N, C-alpha and C. Protein backbone atom coordinates (compact mmCIF):
# COMPACT_ATOMS: atom_id res chain seq x y z
N MET A 1 -229.76 -57.14 -45.51
CA MET A 1 -228.88 -57.97 -44.70
C MET A 1 -227.48 -57.99 -45.29
N ASN A 2 -227.40 -57.92 -46.61
CA ASN A 2 -226.10 -57.94 -47.27
C ASN A 2 -225.29 -56.70 -46.91
N LYS A 3 -225.96 -55.55 -46.78
CA LYS A 3 -225.26 -54.32 -46.40
C LYS A 3 -224.71 -54.42 -44.98
N PHE A 4 -225.45 -55.09 -44.12
CA PHE A 4 -224.98 -55.27 -42.74
C PHE A 4 -223.70 -56.10 -42.72
N TYR A 5 -223.65 -57.17 -43.51
CA TYR A 5 -222.45 -58.00 -43.57
C TYR A 5 -221.27 -57.24 -44.16
N ASP A 6 -221.55 -56.41 -45.16
CA ASP A 6 -220.47 -55.59 -45.74
C ASP A 6 -219.94 -54.60 -44.71
N LEU A 7 -220.83 -53.97 -43.96
CA LEU A 7 -220.40 -53.03 -42.93
C LEU A 7 -219.58 -53.72 -41.86
N LEU A 8 -220.03 -54.88 -41.43
CA LEU A 8 -219.30 -55.65 -40.43
C LEU A 8 -217.92 -56.05 -40.96
N LYS A 9 -217.86 -56.45 -42.20
CA LYS A 9 -216.59 -56.83 -42.83
C LYS A 9 -215.64 -55.64 -42.86
N TYR A 10 -216.14 -54.47 -43.24
CA TYR A 10 -215.28 -53.29 -43.31
C TYR A 10 -214.78 -52.87 -41.93
N ILE A 11 -215.61 -53.00 -40.92
CA ILE A 11 -215.19 -52.66 -39.56
C ILE A 11 -214.09 -53.60 -39.08
N ILE A 12 -214.24 -54.88 -39.36
CA ILE A 12 -213.23 -55.85 -38.94
C ILE A 12 -211.93 -55.61 -39.69
N TYR A 13 -212.02 -55.37 -40.99
CA TYR A 13 -210.80 -55.11 -41.75
C TYR A 13 -210.12 -53.82 -41.30
N ALA A 14 -210.89 -52.79 -41.00
CA ALA A 14 -210.30 -51.54 -40.53
C ALA A 14 -209.61 -51.75 -39.18
N SER A 15 -210.21 -52.54 -38.32
CA SER A 15 -209.57 -52.84 -37.04
C SER A 15 -208.25 -53.57 -37.24
N PHE A 16 -208.23 -54.49 -38.19
CA PHE A 16 -206.99 -55.20 -38.50
C PHE A 16 -205.92 -54.24 -39.00
N TYR A 17 -206.30 -53.32 -39.87
CA TYR A 17 -205.32 -52.36 -40.39
C TYR A 17 -204.78 -51.47 -39.28
N VAL A 18 -205.62 -51.08 -38.34
CA VAL A 18 -205.16 -50.27 -37.21
C VAL A 18 -204.15 -51.05 -36.37
N ILE A 19 -204.41 -52.33 -36.15
CA ILE A 19 -203.47 -53.16 -35.39
C ILE A 19 -202.13 -53.24 -36.10
N VAL A 20 -202.16 -53.43 -37.41
CA VAL A 20 -200.91 -53.53 -38.17
C VAL A 20 -200.14 -52.21 -38.13
N ILE A 21 -200.83 -51.09 -38.29
CA ILE A 21 -200.17 -49.79 -38.26
C ILE A 21 -199.58 -49.52 -36.88
N LYS A 22 -200.32 -49.83 -35.83
CA LYS A 22 -199.81 -49.60 -34.48
C LYS A 22 -198.60 -50.48 -34.19
N THR A 23 -198.63 -51.72 -34.64
CA THR A 23 -197.49 -52.60 -34.44
C THR A 23 -196.27 -52.07 -35.17
N GLY A 24 -196.46 -51.58 -36.37
CA GLY A 24 -195.35 -50.98 -37.11
C GLY A 24 -194.79 -49.76 -36.41
N MET A 25 -195.66 -48.93 -35.85
CA MET A 25 -195.20 -47.75 -35.12
C MET A 25 -194.44 -48.15 -33.86
N ASP A 26 -194.93 -49.16 -33.16
CA ASP A 26 -194.22 -49.65 -31.97
C ASP A 26 -192.86 -50.21 -32.34
N PHE A 27 -192.80 -50.96 -33.43
CA PHE A 27 -191.53 -51.52 -33.88
C PHE A 27 -190.54 -50.40 -34.20
N TYR A 28 -191.01 -49.36 -34.88
CA TYR A 28 -190.15 -48.21 -35.19
C TYR A 28 -189.65 -47.54 -33.91
N GLU A 29 -190.54 -47.39 -32.93
CA GLU A 29 -190.15 -46.77 -31.67
C GLU A 29 -189.11 -47.62 -30.95
N TYR A 30 -189.30 -48.93 -30.95
CA TYR A 30 -188.33 -49.82 -30.30
C TYR A 30 -186.97 -49.72 -30.96
N LYS A 31 -186.96 -49.67 -32.28
CA LYS A 31 -185.68 -49.59 -33.00
C LYS A 31 -185.01 -48.23 -32.81
N ARG A 32 -185.81 -47.17 -32.74
CA ARG A 32 -185.24 -45.82 -32.63
C ARG A 32 -184.72 -45.55 -31.23
N PHE A 33 -185.44 -45.96 -30.20
CA PHE A 33 -185.06 -45.70 -28.81
C PHE A 33 -184.73 -47.01 -28.11
N LEU A 34 -183.75 -47.72 -28.60
CA LEU A 34 -183.42 -49.04 -28.09
C LEU A 34 -182.92 -49.00 -26.65
N LYS A 35 -182.18 -47.97 -26.28
CA LYS A 35 -181.63 -47.86 -24.92
C LYS A 35 -182.75 -47.73 -23.88
N LEU A 36 -183.86 -47.19 -24.30
CA LEU A 36 -184.99 -47.01 -23.39
C LEU A 36 -185.60 -48.35 -22.97
N TYR A 37 -185.53 -49.34 -23.85
CA TYR A 37 -186.17 -50.63 -23.60
C TYR A 37 -185.20 -51.71 -23.15
N GLU A 38 -183.90 -51.42 -23.11
CA GLU A 38 -182.91 -52.43 -22.71
C GLU A 38 -183.08 -52.91 -21.27
N PRO A 39 -183.43 -52.06 -20.30
CA PRO A 39 -183.55 -52.55 -18.92
C PRO A 39 -184.67 -53.57 -18.70
N ASN A 40 -185.63 -53.62 -19.59
CA ASN A 40 -186.73 -54.59 -19.42
C ASN A 40 -186.20 -56.00 -19.54
N SER A 41 -186.80 -56.91 -18.81
CA SER A 41 -186.33 -58.29 -18.83
C SER A 41 -186.76 -59.02 -20.10
N ALA A 42 -187.91 -58.69 -20.63
CA ALA A 42 -188.38 -59.35 -21.85
C ALA A 42 -187.73 -58.71 -23.06
N PRO A 43 -187.58 -59.46 -24.12
CA PRO A 43 -187.05 -58.86 -25.35
C PRO A 43 -187.98 -57.76 -25.85
N TRP A 44 -187.42 -56.83 -26.58
CA TRP A 44 -188.19 -55.67 -27.03
C TRP A 44 -189.29 -56.04 -28.01
N TYR A 45 -189.18 -57.17 -28.66
CA TYR A 45 -190.13 -57.53 -29.71
C TYR A 45 -191.27 -58.41 -29.21
N THR A 46 -191.35 -58.69 -27.92
CA THR A 46 -192.39 -59.57 -27.39
C THR A 46 -193.79 -59.01 -27.67
N GLU A 47 -193.97 -57.73 -27.44
CA GLU A 47 -195.28 -57.13 -27.67
C GLU A 47 -195.65 -57.18 -29.16
N ALA A 48 -194.68 -56.93 -30.02
CA ALA A 48 -194.95 -56.99 -31.46
C ALA A 48 -195.35 -58.40 -31.88
N LEU A 49 -194.72 -59.41 -31.30
CA LEU A 49 -195.08 -60.79 -31.62
C LEU A 49 -196.50 -61.12 -31.15
N LEU A 50 -196.87 -60.59 -29.98
CA LEU A 50 -198.23 -60.82 -29.48
C LEU A 50 -199.27 -60.17 -30.39
N TYR A 51 -198.99 -58.95 -30.84
CA TYR A 51 -199.89 -58.27 -31.77
C TYR A 51 -200.02 -59.06 -33.07
N CYS A 52 -198.91 -59.59 -33.56
CA CYS A 52 -198.95 -60.38 -34.80
C CYS A 52 -199.80 -61.63 -34.61
N ALA A 53 -199.65 -62.28 -33.48
CA ALA A 53 -200.45 -63.49 -33.21
C ALA A 53 -201.93 -63.14 -33.12
N ALA A 54 -202.24 -62.04 -32.46
CA ALA A 54 -203.64 -61.61 -32.36
C ALA A 54 -204.20 -61.24 -33.73
N SER A 55 -203.40 -60.55 -34.53
CA SER A 55 -203.83 -60.17 -35.87
C SER A 55 -204.08 -61.41 -36.73
N PHE A 56 -203.21 -62.39 -36.62
CA PHE A 56 -203.37 -63.62 -37.38
C PHE A 56 -204.67 -64.33 -36.98
N ALA A 57 -204.97 -64.33 -35.70
CA ALA A 57 -206.22 -64.95 -35.23
C ALA A 57 -207.43 -64.22 -35.80
N VAL A 58 -207.37 -62.89 -35.85
CA VAL A 58 -208.47 -62.10 -36.41
C VAL A 58 -208.64 -62.41 -37.89
N ILE A 59 -207.53 -62.54 -38.61
CA ILE A 59 -207.61 -62.85 -40.04
C ILE A 59 -208.28 -64.20 -40.26
N ILE A 60 -207.89 -65.19 -39.48
CA ILE A 60 -208.48 -66.53 -39.62
C ILE A 60 -209.98 -66.50 -39.34
N VAL A 61 -210.38 -65.81 -38.28
CA VAL A 61 -211.80 -65.71 -37.93
C VAL A 61 -212.58 -64.99 -39.03
N CYS A 62 -212.04 -63.89 -39.53
CA CYS A 62 -212.72 -63.13 -40.59
C CYS A 62 -212.87 -63.98 -41.86
N PHE A 63 -211.82 -64.67 -42.22
CA PHE A 63 -211.88 -65.50 -43.42
C PHE A 63 -212.91 -66.62 -43.25
N SER A 64 -212.92 -67.24 -42.09
CA SER A 64 -213.88 -68.32 -41.83
C SER A 64 -215.31 -67.80 -41.88
N LEU A 65 -215.55 -66.66 -41.24
CA LEU A 65 -216.89 -66.08 -41.26
C LEU A 65 -217.31 -65.71 -42.67
N ARG A 66 -216.39 -65.19 -43.44
CA ARG A 66 -216.70 -64.80 -44.81
C ARG A 66 -217.11 -66.01 -45.64
N VAL A 67 -216.38 -67.10 -45.49
CA VAL A 67 -216.71 -68.32 -46.24
C VAL A 67 -218.07 -68.86 -45.80
N ILE A 68 -218.32 -68.89 -44.50
CA ILE A 68 -219.60 -69.40 -43.99
C ILE A 68 -220.77 -68.54 -44.47
N ILE A 69 -220.61 -67.23 -44.41
CA ILE A 69 -221.69 -66.33 -44.83
C ILE A 69 -221.95 -66.46 -46.32
N LYS A 70 -220.90 -66.57 -47.13
CA LYS A 70 -221.11 -66.72 -48.57
C LYS A 70 -221.83 -68.02 -48.89
N ARG A 71 -221.50 -69.09 -48.20
CA ARG A 71 -222.18 -70.37 -48.43
C ARG A 71 -223.66 -70.28 -48.06
N LYS A 72 -223.96 -69.61 -46.95
CA LYS A 72 -225.36 -69.49 -46.52
C LYS A 72 -226.15 -68.60 -47.48
N MET A 73 -225.49 -67.57 -48.02
CA MET A 73 -226.18 -66.68 -48.96
C MET A 73 -226.45 -67.39 -50.29
N LYS A 74 -225.58 -68.28 -50.70
CA LYS A 74 -225.81 -69.03 -51.94
C LYS A 74 -226.98 -70.00 -51.79
N LYS A 75 -227.12 -70.59 -50.60
CA LYS A 75 -228.22 -71.52 -50.35
C LYS A 75 -229.56 -70.80 -50.31
N GLY A 76 -229.55 -69.59 -49.74
CA GLY A 76 -230.79 -68.86 -49.53
C GLY A 76 -231.23 -68.12 -50.67
C-alpha cells in the first residue's frame, strides 16, 4: 500500500511540474510575441494567473493528503 501512495504522490507532483513548465512557456510566448496578443480584450497574463491559482490549489490538496496519509500510517 505504501508503494501505491508513493506512485500516486509522484504522479501528482509530475503533473504539477508540467503545469509550471507550460505556464512558463506560455509566459515566454506572451512576452516574445506581444503584438499577437494585444487585440484580445483580456490582459495577456490572465491565463497564467489562472494556471497559478490551479497549481496552488493542487499543492494545497497534495500537502493535505500527504499529512492525512502519514497520520493514518502512524496509527496503523
